[in-house]
C-alpha atoms as a PDB file:
ATOM      1  CA  MET A   1      -2.011  11.997  17.009  1.00  0.00           C
ATOM      2  CA  ALA A   2      -1.807  13.592  13.557  1.00  0.00           C
ATOM      3  CA  ALA A   3      -0.438  11.452  10.751  1.00  0.00           C
ATOM      4  CA  ARG A   4       3.227  11.962   9.976  1.00  0.00           C
ATOM      5  CA  ALA A   5       4.164  12.915   6.420  1.00  0.00           C
ATOM      6  CA  TYR A   6       6.199  10.292   4.586  1.00  0.00           C
ATOM      7  CA  TRP A   7       7.791  12.992   2.419  1.00  0.00           C
ATOM      8  CA  LYS A   8       7.634  16.765   2.046  1.00  0.00           C
ATOM      9  CA  GLY A   9       8.793  18.584  -1.062  1.00  0.00           C
ATOM     10  CA  HIS A  10       7.730  19.865  -4.465  1.00  0.00           C
ATOM     11  CA  ILE A  11       6.196  18.318  -7.566  1.00  0.00           C
ATOM     12  CA  ARG A  12       7.721  20.010 -10.580  1.00  0.00           C
ATOM     13  CA  LEU A  13       6.127  20.190 -14.002  1.00  0.00           C
ATOM     14  CA  ALA A  14       8.371  22.226 -16.303  1.00  0.00           C
ATOM     15  CA  LEU A  15       8.568  25.650 -14.565  1.00  0.00           C
ATOM     16  CA  VAL A  16       5.634  24.962 -12.221  1.00  0.00           C
ATOM     17  CA  SER A  17       6.561  23.832  -8.691  1.00  0.00           C
ATOM     18  CA  ILE A  18       3.838  22.628  -6.285  1.00  0.00           C
ATOM     19  CA  PRO A  19       4.623  22.211  -2.550  1.00  0.00           C
ATOM     20  CA  VAL A  20       3.080  18.923  -1.358  1.00  0.00           C
ATOM     21  CA  GLU A  21       3.077  16.442   1.490  1.00  0.00           C
ATOM     22  CA  ILE A  22       2.845  12.682   1.022  1.00  0.00           C
ATOM     23  CA  TYR A  23       1.126  10.326   3.501  1.00  0.00           C
ATOM     24  CA  ALA A  24       0.825   6.529   3.600  1.00  0.00           C
ATOM     25  CA  ALA A  25      -2.487   5.402   2.098  1.00  0.00           C
ATOM     26  CA  THR A  26      -2.442   1.884   3.571  1.00  0.00           C
ATOM     27  CA  LYS A  27      -1.774   0.221   6.922  1.00  0.00           C
ATOM     28  CA  SER A  28      -1.132  -3.300   8.154  1.00  0.00           C
ATOM     29  CA  GLY A  29      -3.879  -3.392  10.758  1.00  0.00           C
ATOM     30  CA  ALA A  30      -5.177  -6.875   9.927  1.00  0.00           C
ATOM     31  CA  ALA A  31      -1.886  -8.706  10.545  1.00  0.00           C
ATOM     32  CA  ILE A  32      -1.250 -10.453  13.867  1.00  0.00           C
ATOM     33  CA  SER A  33       2.381 -10.854  14.913  1.00  0.00           C
ATOM     34  CA  PHE A  34       3.737 -13.485  17.296  1.00  0.00           C
ATOM     35  CA  ARG A  35       6.824 -13.716  19.473  1.00  0.00           C
ATOM     36  CA  GLN A  36       8.694 -16.975  19.988  1.00  0.00           C
ATOM     37  CA  ILE A  37       8.463 -17.994  23.661  1.00  0.00           C
ATOM     38  CA  HIS A  38      10.495 -20.530  25.642  1.00  0.00           C
ATOM     39  CA  GLU A  39       7.582 -22.567  27.065  1.00  0.00           C
ATOM     40  CA  PRO A  40       9.205 -23.870  30.303  1.00  0.00           C
ATOM     41  CA  SER A  41      10.216 -20.366  31.446  1.00  0.00           C
ATOM     42  CA  GLY A  42       7.650 -18.260  29.587  1.00  0.00           C
ATOM     43  CA  LYS A  43      10.381 -15.857  28.452  1.00  0.00           C
ATOM     44  CA  PRO A  44      10.826 -14.538  24.879  1.00  0.00           C
ATOM     45  CA  VAL A  45      13.514 -16.124  22.724  1.00  0.00           C
ATOM     46  CA  LYS A  46      16.443 -13.940  21.655  1.00  0.00           C
ATOM     47  CA  TYR A  47      18.795 -14.546  18.765  1.00  0.00           C
ATOM     48  CA  GLU A  48      22.575 -14.527  18.824  1.00  0.00           C
ATOM     49  CA  LYS A  49      24.904 -13.983  15.884  1.00  0.00           C
ATOM     50  CA  ILE A  50      26.864 -17.229  15.532  1.00  0.00           C
ATOM     51  CA  VAL A  51      29.754 -18.158  13.232  1.00  0.00           C
ATOM     52  CA  PRO A  52      30.177 -21.885  12.493  1.00  0.00           C
ATOM     53  CA  GLY A  53      33.198 -23.224  14.335  1.00  0.00           C
ATOM     54  CA  ILE A  54      33.568 -20.060  16.420  1.00  0.00           C
ATOM     55  CA  GLY A  55      30.269 -19.543  18.226  1.00  0.00           C
ATOM     56  CA  ALA A  56      28.610 -16.317  19.349  1.00  0.00           C
ATOM     57  CA  ILE A  57      30.312 -13.104  18.192  1.00  0.00           C
ATOM     58  CA  ASP A  58      30.020  -9.367  18.914  1.00  0.00           C
ATOM     59  CA  HIS A  59      27.797  -7.232  16.702  1.00  0.00           C
ATOM     60  CA  ASP A  60      30.690  -4.802  16.119  1.00  0.00           C
ATOM     61  CA  ASP A  61      32.651  -7.547  14.347  1.00  0.00           C
ATOM     62  CA  ILE A  62      30.033  -7.949  11.607  1.00  0.00           C
ATOM     63  CA  ILE A  63      30.572  -6.479   8.146  1.00  0.00           C
ATOM     64  CA  LYS A  64      28.425  -6.717   4.983  1.00  0.00           C
ATOM     65  CA  GLY A  65      29.490  -9.000   2.159  1.00  0.00           C
ATOM     66  CA  PHE A  66      28.240  -9.742  -1.351  1.00  0.00           C
ATOM     67  CA  GLU A  67      28.618 -13.369  -2.470  1.00  0.00           C
ATOM     68  CA  LEU A  68      30.258 -13.561  -5.901  1.00  0.00           C
ATOM     69  CA  SER A  69      30.396 -17.342  -5.867  1.00  0.00           C
ATOM     70  CA  LYS A  70      30.023 -20.118  -3.303  1.00  0.00           C
ATOM     71  CA  GLY A  71      32.069 -19.017  -0.274  1.00  0.00           C
ATOM     72  CA  ASN A  72      33.642 -16.087  -2.135  1.00  0.00           C
ATOM     73  CA  TYR A  73      32.569 -12.648  -0.819  1.00  0.00           C
ATOM     74  CA  VAL A  74      33.292  -9.005  -1.572  1.00  0.00           C
ATOM     75  CA  LEU A  75      33.361  -7.129   1.748  1.00  0.00           C
ATOM     76  CA  LEU A  76      31.958  -3.592   2.087  1.00  0.00           C
ATOM     77  CA  ASP A  77      32.008  -1.414   5.180  1.00  0.00           C
ATOM     78  CA  ASP A  78      29.265   1.061   6.118  1.00  0.00           C
ATOM     79  CA  GLU A  79      31.176   4.083   4.773  1.00  0.00           C
ATOM     80  CA  GLU A  80      31.514   2.520   1.315  1.00  0.00           C
ATOM     81  CA  ILE A  81      27.792   1.740   1.206  1.00  0.00           C
ATOM     82  CA  GLU A  82      26.830   5.207   2.462  1.00  0.00           C
ATOM     83  CA  ALA A  83      28.952   6.809  -0.264  1.00  0.00           C
ATOM     84  CA  VAL A  84      26.791   5.127  -2.928  1.00  0.00           C
ATOM     85  CA  LYS A  85      23.453   6.246  -1.465  1.00  0.00           C
ATOM     86  CA  LEU A  86      21.740   9.050  -3.325  1.00  0.00           C
ATOM     87  CA  GLU A  87      21.082  12.357  -1.657  1.00  0.00           C
ATOM     88  CA  SER A  88      17.427  12.737  -0.709  1.00  0.00           C
ATOM     89  CA  LYS A  89      15.856  15.375  -2.914  1.00  0.00           C
ATOM     90  CA  ARG A  90      12.892  17.557  -2.118  1.00  0.00           C
ATOM     91  CA  THR A  91      11.703  17.697  -5.720  1.00  0.00           C
ATOM     92  CA  LEU A  92       9.787  15.134  -7.738  1.00  0.00           C
ATOM     93  CA  GLU A  93      10.015  16.049 -11.400  1.00  0.00           C
ATOM     94  CA  LEU A  94       7.371  14.611 -13.716  1.00  0.00           C
ATOM     95  CA  VAL A  95       9.395  13.620 -16.772  1.00  0.00           C
ATOM     96  CA  GLN A  96       6.824  11.615 -18.755  1.00  0.00           C
ATOM     97  CA  PHE A  97       3.062  11.051 -19.064  1.00  0.00           C
ATOM     98  CA  VAL A  98       1.434   7.788 -20.150  1.00  0.00           C
ATOM     99  CA  SER A  99      -2.129   6.532 -20.549  1.00  0.00           C
ATOM    100  CA  ASN A 100      -4.013   5.325 -17.451  1.00  0.00           C
ATOM    101  CA  ASP A 101      -4.020   1.712 -18.633  1.00  0.00           C
ATOM    102  CA  ALA A 102      -0.414   1.700 -19.920  1.00  0.00           C
ATOM    103  CA  ILE A 103       1.069   0.466 -16.609  1.00  0.00           C
ATOM    104  CA  ASP A 104       0.399  -3.173 -15.733  1.00  0.00           C
ATOM    105  CA  LEU A 105      -0.893  -3.852 -12.216  1.00  0.00           C
ATOM    106  CA  LEU A 106       2.192  -6.013 -11.588  1.00  0.00           C
ATOM    107  CA  TYR A 107       4.310  -2.867 -11.345  1.00  0.00           C
ATOM    108  CA  TYR A 108       2.302  -1.186  -8.569  1.00  0.00           C
ATOM    109  CA  THR A 109       3.604  -1.760  -5.025  1.00  0.00           C
ATOM    110  CA  LYS A 110       2.385   0.873  -2.543  1.00  0.00           C
ATOM    111  CA  PRO A 111       0.108   3.949  -2.722  1.00  0.00           C
ATOM    112  CA  TYR A 112       0.490   7.306  -0.961  1.00  0.00           C
ATOM    113  CA  TYR A 113      -1.877  10.252  -0.644  1.00  0.00           C
ATOM    114  CA  VAL A 114      -0.526  13.531  -2.022  1.00  0.00           C
ATOM    115  CA  VAL A 115      -1.983  16.743  -0.555  1.00  0.00           C
ATOM    116  CA  PRO A 116      -1.106  20.431  -1.101  1.00  0.00           C
ATOM    117  CA  ALA A 117       1.268  21.724   1.572  1.00  0.00           C
ATOM    118  CA  ASP A 118      -0.625  25.016   2.039  1.00  0.00           C
ATOM    119  CA  ASP A 119      -3.417  27.173   0.631  1.00  0.00           C
ATOM    120  CA  LEU A 120      -1.099  28.845  -1.869  1.00  0.00           C
ATOM    121  CA  ALA A 121      -0.241  25.466  -3.423  1.00  0.00           C
ATOM    122  CA  GLU A 122      -3.866  24.399  -3.790  1.00  0.00           C
ATOM    123  CA  GLU A 123      -4.586  26.224  -7.063  1.00  0.00           C
ATOM    124  CA  ALA A 124      -1.678  24.648  -8.957  1.00  0.00           C
ATOM    125  CA  TYR A 125      -2.469  21.301  -7.299  1.00  0.00           C
ATOM    126  CA  ILE A 126      -6.068  21.396  -8.611  1.00  0.00           C
ATOM    127  CA  VAL A 127      -4.902  22.405 -12.107  1.00  0.00           C
ATOM    128  CA  LEU A 128      -2.563  19.390 -12.248  1.00  0.00           C
ATOM    129  CA  ARG A 129      -5.281  17.062 -10.926  1.00  0.00           C
ATOM    130  CA  GLU A 130      -7.863  18.192 -13.497  1.00  0.00           C
ATOM    131  CA  ALA A 131      -5.333  18.134 -16.340  1.00  0.00           C
ATOM    132  CA  LEU A 132      -4.517  14.493 -15.561  1.00  0.00           C
ATOM    133  CA  LYS A 133      -8.228  13.656 -15.442  1.00  0.00           C
ATOM    134  CA  ARG A 134      -9.041  15.325 -18.765  1.00  0.00           C
ATOM    135  CA  THR A 135      -6.095  13.809 -20.600  1.00  0.00           C
ATOM    136  CA  LYS A 136      -6.513  10.407 -18.846  1.00  0.00           C
ATOM    137  CA  LYS A 137      -2.793  10.360 -18.201  1.00  0.00           C
ATOM    138  CA  VAL A 138      -0.443   9.308 -15.385  1.00  0.00           C
ATOM    139  CA  GLY A 139       2.704  11.274 -14.543  1.00  0.00           C
ATOM    140  CA  LEU A 140       6.004   9.417 -14.078  1.00  0.00           C
ATOM    141  CA  GLY A 141       9.113  10.431 -12.163  1.00  0.00           C
ATOM    142  CA  GLN A 142      11.812   9.206  -9.788  1.00  0.00           C
ATOM    143  CA  LEU A 143      11.868  10.078  -6.102  1.00  0.00           C
ATOM    144  CA  SER A 144      15.181  10.022  -4.207  1.00  0.00           C
ATOM    145  CA  LEU A 145      14.474   9.096  -0.603  1.00  0.00           C
ATOM    146  CA  ARG A 146      16.452   7.414   2.170  1.00  0.00           C
ATOM    147  CA  GLY A 147      19.416   6.786  -0.079  1.00  0.00           C
ATOM    148  CA  GLN A 148      17.496   5.018  -2.829  1.00  0.00           C
ATOM    149  CA  GLU A 149      15.653   6.058  -5.954  1.00  0.00           C
ATOM    150  CA  GLN A 150      12.048   4.974  -6.411  1.00  0.00           C
ATOM    151  CA  LEU A 151      10.098   4.935  -9.654  1.00  0.00           C
ATOM    152  CA  VAL A 152       6.695   6.551  -9.003  1.00  0.00           C
ATOM    153  CA  ALA A 153       3.465   7.357 -10.836  1.00  0.00           C
ATOM    154  CA  LEU A 154       1.154  10.254 -10.029  1.00  0.00           C
ATOM    155  CA  ARG A 155      -2.542   9.919 -10.842  1.00  0.00           C
ATOM    156  CA  PRO A 156      -5.806  11.641  -9.865  1.00  0.00           C
ATOM    157  CA  CYS A 157      -8.079  10.143  -7.208  1.00  0.00           C
ATOM    158  CA  GLY A 158     -11.335  11.914  -6.429  1.00  0.00           C
ATOM    159  CA  ARG A 159     -10.490  15.404  -5.170  1.00  0.00           C
ATOM    160  CA  GLY A 160      -6.831  14.538  -4.694  1.00  0.00           C
ATOM    161  CA  LEU A 161      -3.755  12.874  -6.140  1.00  0.00           C
ATOM    162  CA  ILE A 162      -2.211   9.485  -5.415  1.00  0.00           C
ATOM    163  CA  LEU A 163       1.467   8.626  -5.720  1.00  0.00           C
ATOM    164  CA  GLU A 164       2.086   4.971  -6.610  1.00  0.00           C
ATOM    165  CA  VAL A 165       5.518   3.432  -6.025  1.00  0.00           C
ATOM    166  CA  LEU A 166       6.348   1.197  -8.988  1.00  0.00           C
ATOM    167  CA  ARG A 167       8.598  -1.798  -9.456  1.00  0.00           C
ATOM    168  CA  TYR A 168      11.505  -1.567 -11.886  1.00  0.00           C
ATOM    169  CA  ALA A 169      11.540  -3.852 -14.919  1.00  0.00           C
ATOM    170  CA  ASP A 170      14.007  -6.329 -13.405  1.00  0.00           C
ATOM    171  CA  GLU A 171      11.694  -6.866 -10.420  1.00  0.00           C
ATOM    172  CA  VAL A 172       8.844  -8.347 -12.483  1.00  0.00           C
ATOM    173  CA  ASN A 173       8.885 -11.888 -13.905  1.00  0.00           C
ATOM    174  CA  LYS A 174       7.818 -12.220 -17.522  1.00  0.00           C
ATOM    175  CA  ALA A 175       4.323 -13.669 -17.849  1.00  0.00           C
ATOM    176  CA  ALA A 176       5.290 -15.582 -21.012  1.00  0.00           C
ATOM    177  CA  ASP A 177       7.579 -17.825 -18.952  1.00  0.00           C
ATOM    178  CA  TYR A 178       4.531 -19.134 -17.070  1.00  0.00           C
ATOM    179  CA  PHE A 179       1.738 -19.022 -19.661  1.00  0.00           C
ATOM    180  CA  ARG A 180       3.528 -20.407 -22.740  1.00  0.00           C
ATOM    181  CA  ASP A 181       1.988 -23.881 -22.259  1.00  0.00           C
ATOM    182  CA  VAL A 182      -1.576 -22.560 -21.969  1.00  0.00           C
ATOM    183  CA  ALA A 183      -3.573 -23.173 -25.158  1.00  0.00           C
ATOM    184  CA  SER A 184      -4.517 -20.130 -27.212  1.00  0.00           C
ATOM    185  CA  SER A 185      -7.555 -21.760 -28.858  1.00  0.00           C
ATOM    186  CA  LYS A 186     -10.983 -20.139 -28.695  1.00  0.00           C
ATOM    187  CA  PRO A 187     -13.595 -21.710 -26.353  1.00  0.00           C
ATOM    188  CA  ASP A 188     -16.985 -23.011 -27.411  1.00  0.00           C
ATOM    189  CA  ALA A 189     -19.344 -20.091 -28.120  1.00  0.00           C
ATOM    190  CA  ASP A 190     -22.165 -21.486 -25.950  1.00  0.00           C
ATOM    191  CA  LEU A 191     -19.820 -22.019 -23.011  1.00  0.00           C
ATOM    192  CA  LEU A 192     -18.512 -18.490 -23.413  1.00  0.00           C
ATOM    193  CA  ASP A 193     -22.053 -17.063 -23.461  1.00  0.00           C
ATOM    194  CA  LEU A 194     -22.939 -18.913 -20.251  1.00  0.00           C
ATOM    195  CA  ALA A 195     -19.750 -17.727 -18.549  1.00  0.00           C
ATOM    196  CA  GLU A 196     -20.501 -14.125 -19.528  1.00  0.00           C
ATOM    197  CA  THR A 197     -24.064 -14.480 -18.219  1.00  0.00           C
ATOM    198  CA  LEU A 198     -22.729 -15.736 -14.899  1.00  0.00           C
ATOM    199  CA  ILE A 199     -20.267 -12.834 -14.693  1.00  0.00           C
ATOM    200  CA  ASP A 200     -23.041 -10.331 -15.432  1.00  0.00           C
ATOM    201  CA  LYS A 201     -25.213 -11.957 -12.760  1.00  0.00           C
ATOM    202  CA  LYS A 202     -22.526 -11.519 -10.115  1.00  0.00           C
ATOM    203  CA  SER A 203     -21.329  -8.080 -11.201  1.00  0.00           C
ATOM    204  CA  GLY A 204     -21.552  -5.073  -8.869  1.00  0.00           C
ATOM    205  CA  GLU A 205     -19.704  -2.138  -7.332  1.00  0.00           C
ATOM    206  CA  PHE A 206     -16.520  -2.930  -5.411  1.00  0.00           C
ATOM    207  CA  ASP A 207     -16.648  -2.222  -1.685  1.00  0.00           C
ATOM    208  CA  ALA A 208     -13.707  -3.530   0.368  1.00  0.00           C
ATOM    209  CA  SER A 209     -15.833  -3.461   3.546  1.00  0.00           C
ATOM    210  CA  ASP A 210     -17.954  -6.300   2.096  1.00  0.00           C
ATOM    211  CA  TYR A 211     -15.025  -8.681   2.628  1.00  0.00           C
ATOM    212  CA  GLU A 212     -13.556  -9.864   5.927  1.00  0.00           C
ATOM    213  CA  ASN A 213     -10.353 -11.661   6.805  1.00  0.00           C
ATOM    214  CA  HIS A 214     -11.939 -14.736   8.410  1.00  0.00           C
ATOM    215  CA  TYR A 215      -8.567 -16.197   9.391  1.00  0.00           C
ATOM    216  CA  VAL A 216      -7.593 -13.118  11.420  1.00  0.00           C
ATOM    217  CA  ASP A 217     -11.056 -13.002  13.048  1.00  0.00           C
ATOM    218  CA  ALA A 218     -10.805 -16.656  14.079  1.00  0.00           C
ATOM    219  CA  LEU A 219      -7.264 -16.133  15.370  1.00  0.00           C
ATOM    220  CA  LYS A 220      -8.403 -13.198  17.501  1.00  0.00           C
ATOM    221  CA  ARG A 221     -11.151 -15.366  19.015  1.00  0.00           C
ATOM    222  CA  VAL A 222      -8.634 -18.083  19.885  1.00  0.00           C
ATOM    223  CA  ILE A 223      -6.326 -15.507  21.517  1.00  0.00           C
ATOM    224  CA  ALA A 224      -9.232 -14.056  23.539  1.00  0.00           C
ATOM    225  CA  LYS A 225     -10.347 -17.511  24.709  1.00  0.00           C
ATOM    226  CA  LYS A 226      -6.792 -18.485  25.567  1.00  0.00           C
ATOM    227  CA  ALA A 227      -6.355 -15.330  27.644  1.00  0.00           C
ATOM    228  CA  LYS A 228      -9.507 -16.173  29.632  1.00  0.00           C
ATOM    229  CA  ALA A 229      -8.492 -19.833  29.979  1.00  0.00           C
ATOM    230  CA  LYS A 230      -5.374 -18.803  31.955  1.00  0.00           C
ATOM    231  CA  GLY A 231      -2.864 -20.883  30.072  1.00  0.00           C
ATOM    232  CA  LYS A 232      -5.073 -23.820  29.069  1.00  0.00           C
ATOM    233  CA  ARG A 233      -5.023 -24.873  25.449  1.00  0.00           C
ATOM    234  CA  VAL A 234      -7.972 -23.746  23.348  1.00  0.00           C
ATOM    235  CA  LEU A 235      -9.001 -25.212  19.992  1.00  0.00           C
ATOM    236  CA  GLU A 236     -11.236 -23.150  17.746  1.00  0.00           C
ATOM    237  CA  ASP A 237     -14.018 -25.004  15.903  1.00  0.00           C
ATOM    238  CA  VAL A 238     -13.179 -24.848  12.220  1.00  0.00           C
ATOM    239  CA  ASP A 239     -15.297 -26.267   9.428  1.00  0.00           C
ATOM    240  CA  GLU A 240     -13.430 -29.024   7.647  1.00  0.00           C
ATOM    241  CA  PRO A 241     -13.015 -28.408   3.914  1.00  0.00           C
ATOM    242  CA  ALA A 242     -14.933 -30.710   1.624  1.00  0.00           C
ATOM    243  CA  ALA A 243     -12.945 -33.713   0.453  1.00  0.00           C
ATOM    244  CA  ALA A 244     -11.533 -33.226  -3.016  1.00  0.00           C
ATOM    245  CA  GLY A 245     -13.037 -35.512  -5.626  1.00  0.00           C
ATOM    246  CA  GLY A 246     -10.884 -38.126  -7.291  1.00  0.00           C
ATOM    247  CA  SER A 247      -9.450 -37.683 -10.739  1.00  0.00           C
ATOM    248  CA  SER A 248     -12.119 -40.068 -12.078  1.00  0.00           C
ATOM    249  CA  ASN A 249     -14.900 -37.494 -11.557  1.00  0.00           C
ATOM    250  CA  VAL A 250     -15.722 -35.716 -14.800  1.00  0.00           C
ATOM    251  CA  ILE A 251     -17.457 -32.342 -14.457  1.00  0.00           C
ATOM    252  CA  ASP A 252     -19.755 -31.416 -17.308  1.00  0.00           C
ATOM    253  CA  LEU A 253     -18.677 -27.800 -17.874  1.00  0.00           C
ATOM    254  CA  MET A 254     -21.827 -26.897 -19.799  1.00  0.00           C
ATOM    255  CA  ALA A 255     -24.093 -28.344 -17.083  1.00  0.00           C
ATOM    256  CA  ALA A 256     -22.051 -26.694 -14.353  1.00  0.00           C
ATOM    257  CA  LEU A 257     -22.342 -23.271 -16.001  1.00  0.00           C
ATOM    258  CA  LYS A 258     -26.079 -23.717 -16.615  1.00  0.00           C
ATOM    259  CA  ALA A 259     -26.570 -24.753 -12.981  1.00  0.00           C
ATOM    260  CA  SER A 260     -24.560 -21.751 -11.783  1.00  0.00           C
ATOM    261  CA  VAL A 261     -26.626 -19.335 -13.845  1.00  0.00           C
ATOM    262  CA  GLY A 262     -29.874 -20.967 -12.719  1.00  0.00           C
ATOM    263  CA  GLY A 263     -28.846 -21.283  -9.079  1.00  0.00           C
ATOM    264  CA  LYS A 264     -28.785 -25.099  -9.128  1.00  0.00           C
ATOM    265  CA  LYS A 265     -26.174 -27.539  -7.924  1.00  0.00           C
ATOM    266  CA  THR A 266     -23.248 -28.550 -10.099  1.00  0.00           C
ATOM    267  CA  VAL A 267     -23.848 -31.727 -12.126  1.00  0.00           C
ATOM    268  CA  VAL A 268     -21.125 -34.368 -11.762  1.00  0.00           C
ATOM    269  CA  LYS A 269     -21.021 -37.370 -14.082  1.00  0.00           C
ATOM    270  CA  LYS A 270     -19.838 -40.704 -12.688  1.00  0.00           C
ATOM    271  CA  THR A 271     -17.684 -43.135 -14.586  1.00  0.00           C
ATOM    272  CA  PRO A 272     -18.987 -46.678 -15.357  1.00  0.00           C
ATOM    273  CA  GLU A 273     -16.620 -48.037 -12.709  1.00  0.00           C
ATOM    274  CA  GLU A 274     -18.152 -45.756 -10.076  1.00  0.00           C
ATOM    275  CA  GLU A 275     -21.686 -46.727 -11.116  1.00  0.00           C
ATOM    276  CA  GLU A 276     -20.858 -50.410 -10.578  1.00  0.00           C
ATOM    277  CA  SER A 277     -19.246 -49.726  -7.196  1.00  0.00           C
ATOM    278  CA  VAL A 278     -22.435 -48.144  -5.782  1.00  0.00           C
ATOM    279  CA  PRO A 279     -24.123 -50.716  -3.470  1.00  0.00           C
ATOM    280  CA  ALA A 280     -27.723 -51.649  -4.327  1.00  0.00           C
ATOM    281  CA  LYS A 281     -30.415 -50.310  -2.030  1.00  0.00           C
ATOM    282  CA  LYS A 282     -31.718 -52.800   0.512  1.00  0.00           C
ATOM    283  CA  ALA A 283     -35.355 -53.839   0.250  1.00  0.00           C
ATOM    284  CA  PRO A 284     -37.525 -52.452   3.045  1.00  0.00           C
ATOM    285  CA  SER A 285     -38.138 -54.809   5.963  1.00  0.00           C
ATOM    286  CA  LYS A 286     -41.466 -56.695   5.910  1.00  0.00           C
ATOM    287  CA  LYS A 287     -41.902 -56.318   9.661  1.00  0.00           C
ATOM    288  CA  SER A 288     -44.378 -53.655  10.563  1.00  0.00           C
ATOM    289  CA  PRO A 289     -42.993 -51.013  12.891  1.00  0.00           C
ATOM    290  CA  THR A 290     -43.876 -51.398  16.568  1.00  0.00           C
ATOM    291  CA  ARG A 291     -46.459 -48.886  17.622  1.00  0.00           C
ATOM    292  CA  LYS A 292     -45.660 -46.771  20.624  1.00  0.00           C
ATOM    293  CA  ARG A 293     -48.216 -46.079  23.305  1.00  0.00           C
ATOM    294  CA  ALA A 294     -49.350 -42.541  23.629  1.00  0.00           C
END
């Protein structure tokens, strides 16, 4: 079945209007969803709307409310909410252009492929694509869809264009609130050189197909085994993670970086207390081993 367009309309740049169609660029194929099952009966669990002190209620008696303070709500019916929703527009106007690296990755949420709606739109589409490439700019605008207004960025991607839905400023936490306690001092020059060497050693082209979701793969194997086991429990063999070292272990950062660059194991220094706690090796037994007959 052909993919369904997420949005159809026009991209407007001043007096130029380009008919386009927008399609989802991602999918949630790797996720595995579960249903809650009542084990004695094998039937799926359903949920009822319950009011404390009253019990189960009808869905028609439910209204939306915004909590102003603890237990104090402003009630809104569907008509009042619908009246606030913006009318879906069929035009995305590019109102500003910024540099490619001007938008932090924190603001990007979801990408969409933008394609020309017909052959007549292709020429203007290509002109816009190449202009964005040559100027190394990203176009910004706001798209009214399904009653809400989304901030979006338009950028070139190969032979096409990609529309990125962006977060608004109040949806992103300030990094300074989390990093203010991190020291701003410069690291040792030799350590920095070793770290850069290690990065260069492991550098390469990104290919998403090189990475697998091992958790999902293991979960699929358990589900397949369980289906064949006809209801019997199945436990998947999972490698136990290595035990975390105690706080007394001191890792020599310089030695660890040198070992990483040279392909050797990480060097771990032991404290004097740990050295004393290591039992002495037993002397070899004086008895000669018994020889076995051929």
